[in-house]
Amino acid sequence: NVFLSRADLLEQPKTFAWPLKLFWFSKTIGPGRGLKHFFSVINSFHNPLQIHLLGNVSPAYKDELKLFFPKQHQLFFHGIVATHQLAEKIADFDIGLALEPDTPLNKNYTISNKFFQYIQLGLPVIATKTTGQEEAFEKYQPGYLLSQQPTDHEIAALEKWLSSPAELQAARERAIAASTEYNWENESKKLLAIIKNALEK
């Protein structure tokens, strides 16, 4: 999940227009993916947002999400795209959503694959706080890190952040900086070094 994406897409200038387009993707759109929880977070927001979900979804769950979704925002569903088309698809949006629970342990200590794909395309990331994703944010701060159970103050701060073009541009720049470190070219060297060390022992 850290292979290099389309560098040409990063070179294109980005402007943030309202309503902002927030993007989340997975093979399957279903329960336990943090979507309803995020919808409840943005329920009090005054400025409208567009939430775009990409993946396979059952008609029943699609209807359930629509009923739960805050009325001041817009919800869009997108079908699966071919792997080679995903980067260009992601680049069309403003902010990526990496919504992960902190249980079980394997979820808490890993970083969402979405995080890497977003930063490789210069998207600021709204991520839920897990041990792994805190580590990913520690150095570059490529977006907004949201607690699993955010307070009213934290939710208000997120809305303020989403309303600031300067903050979003700065987060985009930090996401691009993060992508220069978190990519396969760097990670492959670490992996080869570990393998070499193990074989030599």
N, C-alpha and C. Protein backbone atom coordinates (compact mmCIF):
# COMPACT_ATOMS: atom_id res chain seq x y z
N ASN A 1 0.80 -1.22 0.00
CA ASN A 1 0.00 0.00 0.00
C ASN A 1 0.83 1.27 0.00
N VAL A 2 2.14 1.14 -0.12
CA VAL A 2 2.97 2.33 -0.15
C VAL A 2 3.74 2.44 -1.46
N PHE A 3 3.24 1.81 -2.50
CA PHE A 3 3.87 1.97 -3.81
C PHE A 3 3.62 3.38 -4.31
N LEU A 4 4.54 3.89 -5.10
CA LEU A 4 4.39 5.25 -5.60
C LEU A 4 3.17 5.38 -6.50
N SER A 5 2.48 6.48 -6.36
CA SER A 5 1.31 6.75 -7.19
C SER A 5 1.70 7.69 -8.31
N ARG A 6 0.71 8.34 -8.87
CA ARG A 6 0.90 9.21 -10.02
C ARG A 6 1.52 10.54 -9.62
N ALA A 7 2.80 10.72 -9.88
CA ALA A 7 3.48 11.97 -9.54
C ALA A 7 2.89 13.15 -10.30
N ASP A 8 2.39 12.89 -11.51
CA ASP A 8 1.83 13.99 -12.30
C ASP A 8 0.58 14.58 -11.64
N LEU A 9 -0.13 13.76 -10.90
CA LEU A 9 -1.32 14.26 -10.20
C LEU A 9 -0.93 15.16 -9.03
N LEU A 10 0.21 14.89 -8.42
CA LEU A 10 0.68 15.73 -7.32
C LEU A 10 1.11 17.10 -7.81
N GLU A 11 1.58 17.16 -9.04
CA GLU A 11 2.11 18.42 -9.57
C GLU A 11 1.00 19.40 -9.94
N GLN A 12 -0.22 18.91 -10.06
CA GLN A 12 -1.32 19.80 -10.42
C GLN A 12 -1.71 20.67 -9.22
N PRO A 13 -1.88 21.99 -9.42
CA PRO A 13 -2.27 22.86 -8.30
C PRO A 13 -3.64 22.46 -7.77
N LYS A 14 -3.81 22.65 -6.46
CA LYS A 14 -5.05 22.25 -5.82
C LYS A 14 -5.68 23.45 -5.14
N THR A 15 -6.94 23.67 -5.44
CA THR A 15 -7.69 24.69 -4.72
C THR A 15 -8.85 24.00 -4.02
N PHE A 16 -9.20 24.49 -2.85
CA PHE A 16 -10.29 23.90 -2.08
C PHE A 16 -11.54 24.76 -2.25
N ALA A 17 -12.57 24.15 -2.82
CA ALA A 17 -13.84 24.85 -3.04
C ALA A 17 -14.91 24.19 -2.19
N TRP A 18 -15.88 24.98 -1.79
CA TRP A 18 -16.94 24.48 -0.91
C TRP A 18 -18.21 24.21 -1.70
N PRO A 19 -18.93 23.13 -1.38
CA PRO A 19 -18.65 22.22 -0.27
C PRO A 19 -17.44 21.32 -0.54
N LEU A 20 -16.68 21.05 0.50
CA LEU A 20 -15.53 20.15 0.38
C LEU A 20 -16.00 18.74 0.07
N LYS A 21 -15.16 18.03 -0.67
CA LYS A 21 -15.47 16.64 -1.05
C LYS A 21 -14.57 15.70 -0.25
N LEU A 22 -15.17 15.00 0.71
CA LEU A 22 -14.44 14.05 1.53
C LEU A 22 -14.64 12.65 0.96
N PHE A 23 -13.57 11.85 0.95
CA PHE A 23 -13.59 10.57 0.24
C PHE A 23 -13.16 9.43 1.15
N TRP A 24 -13.89 8.31 1.03
CA TRP A 24 -13.56 7.07 1.74
C TRP A 24 -13.77 5.92 0.76
N PHE A 25 -12.91 4.91 0.81
CA PHE A 25 -13.09 3.79 -0.11
C PHE A 25 -12.70 2.47 0.54
N SER A 26 -13.31 1.44 0.06
CA SER A 26 -12.98 0.08 0.46
C SER A 26 -13.64 -0.86 -0.54
N LYS A 27 -13.25 -2.12 -0.52
CA LYS A 27 -13.92 -3.08 -1.41
C LYS A 27 -15.40 -3.18 -1.05
N THR A 28 -15.69 -3.11 0.25
CA THR A 28 -17.06 -3.24 0.71
C THR A 28 -17.43 -2.09 1.64
N ILE A 29 -18.57 -1.50 1.42
CA ILE A 29 -19.13 -0.49 2.32
C ILE A 29 -20.11 -1.22 3.23
N GLY A 30 -19.77 -1.31 4.50
CA GLY A 30 -20.64 -2.07 5.40
C GLY A 30 -20.47 -1.64 6.84
N PRO A 31 -21.13 -2.32 7.77
CA PRO A 31 -21.06 -1.98 9.19
C PRO A 31 -19.64 -2.15 9.73
N GLY A 32 -19.35 -1.46 10.83
CA GLY A 32 -18.07 -1.61 11.49
C GLY A 32 -16.91 -0.92 10.81
N ARG A 33 -17.20 0.02 9.90
CA ARG A 33 -16.13 0.71 9.18
C ARG A 33 -15.95 2.15 9.63
N GLY A 34 -16.67 2.56 10.66
CA GLY A 34 -16.52 3.89 11.21
C GLY A 34 -17.32 4.96 10.51
N LEU A 35 -18.13 4.58 9.53
CA LEU A 35 -18.85 5.58 8.74
C LEU A 35 -19.96 6.24 9.55
N LYS A 36 -20.79 5.45 10.20
CA LYS A 36 -21.88 6.02 10.99
C LYS A 36 -21.34 6.90 12.11
N HIS A 37 -20.26 6.48 12.69
CA HIS A 37 -19.67 7.28 13.77
C HIS A 37 -19.22 8.63 13.23
N PHE A 38 -18.60 8.65 12.06
CA PHE A 38 -18.16 9.92 11.48
C PHE A 38 -19.37 10.78 11.10
N PHE A 39 -20.42 10.15 10.61
CA PHE A 39 -21.64 10.90 10.28
C PHE A 39 -22.19 11.60 11.53
N SER A 40 -22.11 10.93 12.68
CA SER A 40 -22.60 11.55 13.91
C SER A 40 -21.71 12.73 14.31
N VAL A 41 -20.41 12.65 14.01
CA VAL A 41 -19.47 13.74 14.31
C VAL A 41 -19.84 14.99 13.52
N ILE A 42 -20.17 14.83 12.24
CA ILE A 42 -20.44 15.99 11.39
C ILE A 42 -21.91 16.43 11.46
N ASN A 43 -22.68 15.80 12.32
CA ASN A 43 -24.11 16.12 12.40
C ASN A 43 -24.36 17.56 12.83
N SER A 44 -23.45 18.11 13.65
CA SER A 44 -23.66 19.46 14.18
C SER A 44 -23.03 20.54 13.29
N PHE A 45 -22.35 20.14 12.22
CA PHE A 45 -21.67 21.12 11.37
C PHE A 45 -22.67 22.00 10.63
N HIS A 46 -22.35 23.28 10.52
CA HIS A 46 -23.22 24.20 9.80
C HIS A 46 -22.88 24.25 8.32
N ASN A 47 -21.58 24.22 7.98
CA ASN A 47 -21.18 24.27 6.58
C ASN A 47 -21.37 22.90 5.93
N PRO A 48 -22.06 22.86 4.80
CA PRO A 48 -22.32 21.56 4.17
C PRO A 48 -21.06 20.91 3.61
N LEU A 49 -21.04 19.60 3.66
CA LEU A 49 -19.95 18.79 3.11
C LEU A 49 -20.52 17.79 2.14
N GLN A 50 -19.68 17.32 1.23
CA GLN A 50 -20.01 16.17 0.40
C GLN A 50 -19.18 14.99 0.90
N ILE A 51 -19.85 13.88 1.16
CA ILE A 51 -19.17 12.65 1.55
C ILE A 51 -19.31 11.65 0.40
N HIS A 52 -18.18 11.19 -0.12
CA HIS A 52 -18.17 10.26 -1.25
C HIS A 52 -17.63 8.92 -0.78
N LEU A 53 -18.41 7.86 -0.98
CA LEU A 53 -18.03 6.51 -0.59
C LEU A 53 -17.88 5.65 -1.83
N LEU A 54 -16.75 4.95 -1.93
CA LEU A 54 -16.52 4.06 -3.07
C LEU A 54 -16.41 2.63 -2.58
N GLY A 55 -17.18 1.73 -3.19
CA GLY A 55 -17.12 0.32 -2.83
C GLY A 55 -18.44 -0.36 -3.11
N ASN A 56 -18.45 -1.67 -2.94
CA ASN A 56 -19.68 -2.44 -3.10
C ASN A 56 -20.54 -2.28 -1.85
N VAL A 57 -21.83 -2.01 -2.05
CA VAL A 57 -22.72 -1.82 -0.91
C VAL A 57 -24.06 -2.47 -1.22
N SER A 58 -24.63 -3.13 -0.23
CA SER A 58 -25.94 -3.74 -0.42
C SER A 58 -27.01 -2.66 -0.44
N PRO A 59 -28.11 -2.88 -1.17
CA PRO A 59 -29.19 -1.88 -1.17
C PRO A 59 -29.70 -1.56 0.23
N ALA A 60 -29.78 -2.58 1.08
CA ALA A 60 -30.31 -2.37 2.44
C ALA A 60 -29.38 -1.47 3.24
N TYR A 61 -28.06 -1.71 3.17
CA TYR A 61 -27.14 -0.89 3.95
C TYR A 61 -27.02 0.52 3.37
N LYS A 62 -27.14 0.62 2.07
CA LYS A 62 -27.14 1.94 1.43
C LYS A 62 -28.30 2.78 1.95
N ASP A 63 -29.49 2.17 2.02
CA ASP A 63 -30.66 2.88 2.54
C ASP A 63 -30.47 3.24 4.01
N GLU A 64 -29.84 2.33 4.77
CA GLU A 64 -29.60 2.59 6.19
C GLU A 64 -28.68 3.80 6.38
N LEU A 65 -27.62 3.89 5.57
CA LEU A 65 -26.71 5.03 5.66
C LEU A 65 -27.41 6.33 5.27
N LYS A 66 -28.22 6.27 4.25
CA LYS A 66 -28.94 7.48 3.81
C LYS A 66 -29.86 8.00 4.90
N LEU A 67 -30.54 7.10 5.61
CA LEU A 67 -31.44 7.51 6.68
C LEU A 67 -30.68 8.13 7.85
N PHE A 68 -29.48 7.61 8.12
CA PHE A 68 -28.68 8.07 9.25
C PHE A 68 -27.92 9.36 8.93
N PHE A 69 -27.73 9.64 7.66
CA PHE A 69 -26.85 10.73 7.22
C PHE A 69 -27.45 12.10 7.53
N PRO A 70 -26.63 13.05 8.06
CA PRO A 70 -27.15 14.39 8.37
C PRO A 70 -27.68 15.11 7.13
N LYS A 71 -28.82 15.75 7.27
CA LYS A 71 -29.53 16.31 6.12
C LYS A 71 -28.83 17.51 5.47
N GLN A 72 -27.98 18.22 6.23
CA GLN A 72 -27.35 19.41 5.66
C GLN A 72 -26.18 19.06 4.73
N HIS A 73 -25.77 17.79 4.73
CA HIS A 73 -24.67 17.35 3.88
C HIS A 73 -25.20 16.50 2.71
N GLN A 74 -24.29 16.17 1.79
CA GLN A 74 -24.66 15.34 0.64
C GLN A 74 -23.85 14.05 0.67
N LEU A 75 -24.50 12.94 0.36
CA LEU A 75 -23.87 11.63 0.36
C LEU A 75 -23.91 11.04 -1.05
N PHE A 76 -22.74 10.59 -1.52
CA PHE A 76 -22.62 10.02 -2.87
C PHE A 76 -21.98 8.63 -2.78
N PHE A 77 -22.45 7.73 -3.62
CA PHE A 77 -21.90 6.38 -3.69
C PHE A 77 -21.25 6.18 -5.06
N HIS A 78 -20.08 5.55 -5.06
CA HIS A 78 -19.35 5.28 -6.29
C HIS A 78 -19.05 3.78 -6.37
N GLY A 79 -19.18 3.23 -7.55
CA GLY A 79 -18.86 1.83 -7.75
C GLY A 79 -17.36 1.59 -7.80
N ILE A 80 -16.99 0.33 -7.66
CA ILE A 80 -15.58 -0.08 -7.72
C ILE A 80 -14.98 0.34 -9.06
N VAL A 81 -13.71 0.80 -9.01
CA VAL A 81 -12.98 1.12 -10.23
C VAL A 81 -11.78 0.18 -10.34
N ALA A 82 -11.23 0.07 -11.53
CA ALA A 82 -10.05 -0.76 -11.74
C ALA A 82 -8.87 -0.19 -10.95
N THR A 83 -7.96 -1.06 -10.54
CA THR A 83 -6.84 -0.64 -9.71
C THR A 83 -6.06 0.50 -10.35
N HIS A 84 -5.83 0.42 -11.65
CA HIS A 84 -5.03 1.45 -12.32
C HIS A 84 -5.76 2.80 -12.43
N GLN A 85 -7.05 2.80 -12.13
CA GLN A 85 -7.83 4.04 -12.18
C GLN A 85 -8.03 4.67 -10.81
N LEU A 86 -7.63 3.96 -9.75
CA LEU A 86 -7.93 4.41 -8.40
C LEU A 86 -7.23 5.72 -8.05
N ALA A 87 -5.95 5.85 -8.43
CA ALA A 87 -5.21 7.07 -8.08
C ALA A 87 -5.88 8.31 -8.66
N GLU A 88 -6.26 8.24 -9.92
CA GLU A 88 -6.90 9.39 -10.55
C GLU A 88 -8.25 9.68 -9.91
N LYS A 89 -8.94 8.63 -9.50
CA LYS A 89 -10.22 8.80 -8.82
C LYS A 89 -10.03 9.53 -7.49
N ILE A 90 -9.08 9.06 -6.69
CA ILE A 90 -8.83 9.67 -5.38
C ILE A 90 -8.44 11.13 -5.52
N ALA A 91 -7.63 11.43 -6.52
CA ALA A 91 -7.12 12.79 -6.71
C ALA A 91 -8.22 13.81 -6.99
N ASP A 92 -9.41 13.35 -7.37
CA ASP A 92 -10.53 14.25 -7.66
C ASP A 92 -11.12 14.88 -6.39
N PHE A 93 -10.76 14.33 -5.23
CA PHE A 93 -11.40 14.75 -3.98
C PHE A 93 -10.48 15.66 -3.16
N ASP A 94 -11.03 16.23 -2.09
CA ASP A 94 -10.29 17.21 -1.30
C ASP A 94 -9.60 16.61 -0.09
N ILE A 95 -10.27 15.70 0.59
CA ILE A 95 -9.77 15.16 1.85
C ILE A 95 -10.08 13.67 1.91
N GLY A 96 -9.13 12.89 2.40
CA GLY A 96 -9.34 11.46 2.55
C GLY A 96 -9.72 11.09 3.97
N LEU A 97 -10.58 10.11 4.11
CA LEU A 97 -11.03 9.63 5.42
C LEU A 97 -10.39 8.28 5.72
N ALA A 98 -9.64 8.22 6.83
CA ALA A 98 -9.04 6.96 7.28
C ALA A 98 -9.66 6.65 8.64
N LEU A 99 -10.82 6.05 8.62
CA LEU A 99 -11.62 5.83 9.84
C LEU A 99 -11.40 4.41 10.32
N GLU A 100 -10.62 4.26 11.39
CA GLU A 100 -10.30 2.94 11.90
C GLU A 100 -10.65 2.85 13.38
N PRO A 101 -11.23 1.72 13.82
CA PRO A 101 -11.45 1.52 15.27
C PRO A 101 -10.13 1.21 15.96
N ASP A 102 -10.09 1.34 17.28
CA ASP A 102 -8.86 0.99 18.00
C ASP A 102 -8.92 -0.40 18.62
N THR A 103 -9.93 -1.17 18.25
CA THR A 103 -10.01 -2.58 18.63
C THR A 103 -10.41 -3.38 17.39
N PRO A 104 -9.95 -4.61 17.24
CA PRO A 104 -9.00 -5.33 18.09
C PRO A 104 -7.58 -4.77 17.95
N LEU A 105 -6.60 -5.44 18.57
CA LEU A 105 -5.25 -4.93 18.61
C LEU A 105 -4.64 -4.73 17.23
N ASN A 106 -4.95 -5.64 16.29
CA ASN A 106 -4.35 -5.49 14.96
C ASN A 106 -4.82 -4.22 14.27
N LYS A 107 -6.02 -3.75 14.60
CA LYS A 107 -6.51 -2.47 14.06
C LYS A 107 -5.81 -1.31 14.76
N ASN A 108 -5.57 -1.45 16.05
CA ASN A 108 -4.98 -0.36 16.82
C ASN A 108 -3.53 -0.08 16.41
N TYR A 109 -2.77 -1.15 16.10
CA TYR A 109 -1.34 -0.97 15.87
C TYR A 109 -0.95 -0.83 14.40
N THR A 110 -1.90 -0.89 13.50
CA THR A 110 -1.59 -0.72 12.09
C THR A 110 -2.11 0.64 11.60
N ILE A 111 -1.67 1.01 10.41
CA ILE A 111 -2.11 2.24 9.78
C ILE A 111 -2.98 1.87 8.58
N SER A 112 -4.08 2.53 8.42
CA SER A 112 -4.98 2.23 7.31
C SER A 112 -4.25 2.36 5.98
N ASN A 113 -4.47 1.39 5.08
CA ASN A 113 -3.87 1.50 3.74
C ASN A 113 -4.34 2.77 3.04
N LYS A 114 -5.51 3.23 3.40
CA LYS A 114 -6.04 4.46 2.79
C LYS A 114 -5.13 5.65 3.08
N PHE A 115 -4.57 5.69 4.27
CA PHE A 115 -3.70 6.80 4.66
C PHE A 115 -2.58 6.98 3.64
N PHE A 116 -1.91 5.89 3.29
CA PHE A 116 -0.78 5.98 2.38
C PHE A 116 -1.21 6.41 0.98
N GLN A 117 -2.35 5.91 0.54
CA GLN A 117 -2.81 6.28 -0.80
C GLN A 117 -3.25 7.74 -0.86
N TYR A 118 -3.84 8.23 0.21
CA TYR A 118 -4.23 9.64 0.23
C TYR A 118 -3.02 10.56 0.17
N ILE A 119 -2.03 10.31 1.03
CA ILE A 119 -0.89 11.24 1.07
C ILE A 119 -0.09 11.19 -0.23
N GLN A 120 -0.05 10.02 -0.88
CA GLN A 120 0.67 9.92 -2.15
C GLN A 120 0.03 10.76 -3.24
N LEU A 121 -1.22 11.16 -3.01
CA LEU A 121 -1.92 11.99 -3.98
C LEU A 121 -2.18 13.40 -3.43
N GLY A 122 -1.52 13.72 -2.32
CA GLY A 122 -1.60 15.08 -1.78
C GLY A 122 -2.89 15.42 -1.09
N LEU A 123 -3.64 14.42 -0.64
CA LEU A 123 -4.88 14.70 0.09
C LEU A 123 -4.61 14.81 1.58
N PRO A 124 -5.03 15.90 2.21
CA PRO A 124 -5.03 15.90 3.67
C PRO A 124 -5.92 14.76 4.16
N VAL A 125 -5.62 14.27 5.36
CA VAL A 125 -6.32 13.09 5.87
C VAL A 125 -7.01 13.41 7.19
N ILE A 126 -8.27 13.01 7.30
CA ILE A 126 -8.94 12.96 8.60
C ILE A 126 -8.87 11.51 9.04
N ALA A 127 -8.14 11.26 10.13
CA ALA A 127 -7.93 9.89 10.59
C ALA A 127 -8.41 9.75 12.03
N THR A 128 -8.98 8.61 12.36
CA THR A 128 -9.33 8.34 13.74
C THR A 128 -8.08 7.88 14.48
N LYS A 129 -8.05 8.20 15.76
CA LYS A 129 -6.84 7.99 16.56
C LYS A 129 -6.70 6.52 16.95
N THR A 130 -5.67 5.89 16.41
CA THR A 130 -5.20 4.58 16.85
C THR A 130 -3.71 4.75 17.13
N THR A 131 -3.11 3.78 17.77
CA THR A 131 -1.67 3.87 18.05
C THR A 131 -0.89 3.99 16.75
N GLY A 132 -1.27 3.21 15.75
CA GLY A 132 -0.58 3.26 14.47
C GLY A 132 -0.74 4.59 13.77
N GLN A 133 -1.95 5.10 13.74
CA GLN A 133 -2.20 6.35 13.01
C GLN A 133 -1.65 7.57 13.77
N GLU A 134 -1.57 7.48 15.09
CA GLU A 134 -0.89 8.53 15.85
C GLU A 134 0.57 8.61 15.43
N GLU A 135 1.19 7.45 15.25
CA GLU A 135 2.60 7.42 14.81
C GLU A 135 2.74 8.05 13.42
N ALA A 136 1.79 7.76 12.53
CA ALA A 136 1.83 8.31 11.17
C ALA A 136 1.68 9.83 11.17
N PHE A 137 0.96 10.36 12.16
CA PHE A 137 0.74 11.81 12.25
C PHE A 137 1.84 12.53 13.02
N GLU A 138 2.61 11.80 13.79
CA GLU A 138 3.54 12.41 14.73
C GLU A 138 4.54 13.35 14.06
N LYS A 139 5.09 12.94 12.93
CA LYS A 139 6.15 13.73 12.30
C LYS A 139 5.60 14.81 11.37
N TYR A 140 4.58 14.48 10.56
CA TYR A 140 4.18 15.39 9.49
C TYR A 140 2.84 16.10 9.72
N GLN A 141 1.98 15.56 10.55
CA GLN A 141 0.66 16.16 10.78
C GLN A 141 -0.05 16.44 9.45
N PRO A 142 -0.31 15.40 8.64
CA PRO A 142 -0.88 15.62 7.31
C PRO A 142 -2.40 15.78 7.26
N GLY A 143 -2.97 16.29 8.35
CA GLY A 143 -4.43 16.45 8.37
C GLY A 143 -4.92 16.63 9.79
N TYR A 144 -6.02 15.96 10.10
CA TYR A 144 -6.66 16.10 11.41
C TYR A 144 -6.82 14.72 12.03
N LEU A 145 -6.30 14.54 13.24
CA LEU A 145 -6.40 13.28 13.96
C LEU A 145 -7.55 13.38 14.96
N LEU A 146 -8.54 12.53 14.78
CA LEU A 146 -9.79 12.61 15.54
C LEU A 146 -9.87 11.48 16.55
N SER A 147 -10.16 11.82 17.79
CA SER A 147 -10.30 10.81 18.84
C SER A 147 -11.43 9.83 18.50
N GLN A 148 -11.32 8.64 19.09
CA GLN A 148 -12.38 7.66 18.88
C GLN A 148 -13.72 8.16 19.42
N GLN A 149 -13.68 8.88 20.53
CA GLN A 149 -14.89 9.48 21.10
C GLN A 149 -14.63 10.97 21.27
N PRO A 150 -14.70 11.75 20.19
CA PRO A 150 -14.31 13.16 20.26
C PRO A 150 -15.24 13.98 21.13
N THR A 151 -14.66 14.95 21.82
CA THR A 151 -15.43 15.88 22.64
C THR A 151 -16.08 16.93 21.75
N ASP A 152 -17.00 17.69 22.32
CA ASP A 152 -17.62 18.78 21.58
C ASP A 152 -16.57 19.80 21.12
N HIS A 153 -15.59 20.06 21.98
CA HIS A 153 -14.52 21.00 21.64
C HIS A 153 -13.73 20.49 20.43
N GLU A 154 -13.43 19.20 20.41
CA GLU A 154 -12.66 18.62 19.31
C GLU A 154 -13.47 18.64 18.01
N ILE A 155 -14.76 18.39 18.11
CA ILE A 155 -15.62 18.44 16.92
C ILE A 155 -15.69 19.85 16.36
N ALA A 156 -15.80 20.84 17.26
CA ALA A 156 -15.82 22.24 16.83
C ALA A 156 -14.49 22.62 16.16
N ALA A 157 -13.38 22.10 16.70
CA ALA A 157 -12.07 22.38 16.11
C ALA A 157 -11.94 21.76 14.73
N LEU A 158 -12.52 20.58 14.54
CA LEU A 158 -12.52 19.96 13.21
C LEU A 158 -13.31 20.79 12.22
N GLU A 159 -14.47 21.28 12.62
CA GLU A 159 -15.26 22.11 11.72
C GLU A 159 -14.50 23.39 11.35
N LYS A 160 -13.83 23.97 12.33
CA LYS A 160 -13.04 25.18 12.06
C LYS A 160 -11.90 24.88 11.09
N TRP A 161 -11.24 23.75 11.28
CA TRP A 161 -10.15 23.33 10.39
C TRP A 161 -10.66 23.14 8.96
N LEU A 162 -11.81 22.53 8.83
CA LEU A 162 -12.39 22.30 7.50
C LEU A 162 -12.83 23.60 6.82
N SER A 163 -12.97 24.66 7.59
CA SER A 163 -13.42 25.94 7.05
C SER A 163 -12.25 26.86 6.68
N SER A 164 -11.02 26.39 6.86
CA SER A 164 -9.85 27.24 6.65
C SER A 164 -9.05 26.80 5.42
N PRO A 165 -9.13 27.53 4.30
CA PRO A 165 -8.33 27.18 3.12
C PRO A 165 -6.83 27.13 3.42
N ALA A 166 -6.36 28.05 4.26
CA ALA A 166 -4.92 28.08 4.59
C ALA A 166 -4.50 26.82 5.34
N GLU A 167 -5.33 26.38 6.29
CA GLU A 167 -5.02 25.16 7.04
C GLU A 167 -5.03 23.94 6.12
N LEU A 168 -5.99 23.88 5.21
CA LEU A 168 -6.08 22.74 4.31
C LEU A 168 -4.90 22.70 3.35
N GLN A 169 -4.49 23.86 2.84
CA GLN A 169 -3.33 23.89 1.95
C GLN A 169 -2.07 23.47 2.70
N ALA A 170 -1.93 23.92 3.93
CA ALA A 170 -0.76 23.54 4.72
C ALA A 170 -0.76 22.03 4.98
N ALA A 171 -1.93 21.47 5.25
CA ALA A 171 -2.03 20.02 5.47
C ALA A 171 -1.71 19.27 4.18
N ARG A 172 -2.12 19.81 3.05
CA ARG A 172 -1.78 19.19 1.76
C ARG A 172 -0.27 19.15 1.56
N GLU A 173 0.40 20.25 1.87
CA GLU A 173 1.85 20.30 1.73
C GLU A 173 2.53 19.29 2.65
N ARG A 174 1.99 19.15 3.86
CA ARG A 174 2.57 18.17 4.80
C ARG A 174 2.29 16.74 4.34
N ALA A 175 1.13 16.52 3.72
CA ALA A 175 0.81 15.18 3.19
C ALA A 175 1.79 14.81 2.08
N ILE A 176 2.09 15.76 1.21
CA ILE A 176 3.04 15.51 0.13
C ILE A 176 4.43 15.23 0.70
N ALA A 177 4.82 15.99 1.74
CA ALA A 177 6.10 15.74 2.39
C ALA A 177 6.14 14.34 3.01
N ALA A 178 5.03 13.93 3.63
CA ALA A 178 4.96 12.60 4.23
C ALA A 178 5.10 11.51 3.18
N SER A 179 4.55 11.77 1.99
CA SER A 179 4.60 10.76 0.93
C SER A 179 6.02 10.49 0.45
N THR A 180 6.93 11.45 0.65
CA THR A 180 8.32 11.24 0.23
C THR A 180 9.05 10.29 1.18
N GLU A 181 8.50 10.10 2.38
CA GLU A 181 9.10 9.16 3.33
C GLU A 181 8.36 7.84 3.35
N TYR A 182 7.03 7.91 3.39
CA TYR A 182 6.23 6.69 3.50
C TYR A 182 5.89 6.17 2.11
N ASN A 183 6.85 5.49 1.48
CA ASN A 183 6.61 4.90 0.15
C ASN A 183 7.43 3.63 0.01
N TRP A 184 7.15 2.88 -1.02
CA TRP A 184 7.78 1.57 -1.19
C TRP A 184 9.28 1.66 -1.38
N GLU A 185 9.76 2.70 -2.06
CA GLU A 185 11.18 2.83 -2.27
C GLU A 185 11.94 2.85 -0.94
N ASN A 186 11.40 3.55 0.03
CA ASN A 186 12.04 3.59 1.35
C ASN A 186 11.76 2.33 2.16
N GLU A 187 10.53 1.88 2.15
CA GLU A 187 10.16 0.71 2.94
C GLU A 187 10.85 -0.55 2.44
N SER A 188 11.07 -0.66 1.13
CA SER A 188 11.72 -1.85 0.57
C SER A 188 13.16 -1.97 1.08
N LYS A 189 13.84 -0.83 1.26
CA LYS A 189 15.22 -0.86 1.78
C LYS A 189 15.23 -1.38 3.21
N LYS A 190 14.23 -0.97 4.00
CA LYS A 190 14.15 -1.47 5.37
C LYS A 190 13.90 -2.98 5.37
N LEU A 191 12.99 -3.43 4.50
CA LEU A 191 12.65 -4.85 4.44
C LEU A 191 13.85 -5.68 4.01
N LEU A 192 14.58 -5.21 3.00
CA LEU A 192 15.76 -5.94 2.52
C LEU A 192 16.84 -5.99 3.60
N ALA A 193 16.97 -4.91 4.36
CA ALA A 193 17.97 -4.89 5.44
C ALA A 193 17.62 -5.91 6.52
N ILE A 194 16.33 -6.01 6.85
CA ILE A 194 15.88 -6.98 7.86
C ILE A 194 16.14 -8.40 7.37
N ILE A 195 15.81 -8.66 6.08
CA ILE A 195 16.01 -10.00 5.52
C ILE A 195 17.51 -10.34 5.49
N LYS A 196 18.33 -9.38 5.06
CA LYS A 196 19.79 -9.58 4.99
C LYS A 196 20.34 -9.89 6.38
N ASN A 197 19.89 -9.15 7.38
CA ASN A 197 20.36 -9.36 8.74
C ASN A 197 19.95 -10.73 9.25
N ALA A 198 18.74 -11.16 8.94
CA ALA A 198 18.25 -12.48 9.38
C ALA A 198 19.04 -13.61 8.72
N LEU A 199 19.32 -13.45 7.42
CA LEU A 199 20.05 -14.50 6.70
C LEU A 199 21.49 -14.61 7.19
N GLU A 200 22.09 -13.47 7.50
CA GLU A 200 23.47 -13.48 7.96
C GLU A 200 23.62 -14.13 9.34
N LYS A 201 22.54 -14.04 10.12
CA LYS A 201 22.58 -14.68 11.44
C LYS A 201 22.48 -16.20 11.31
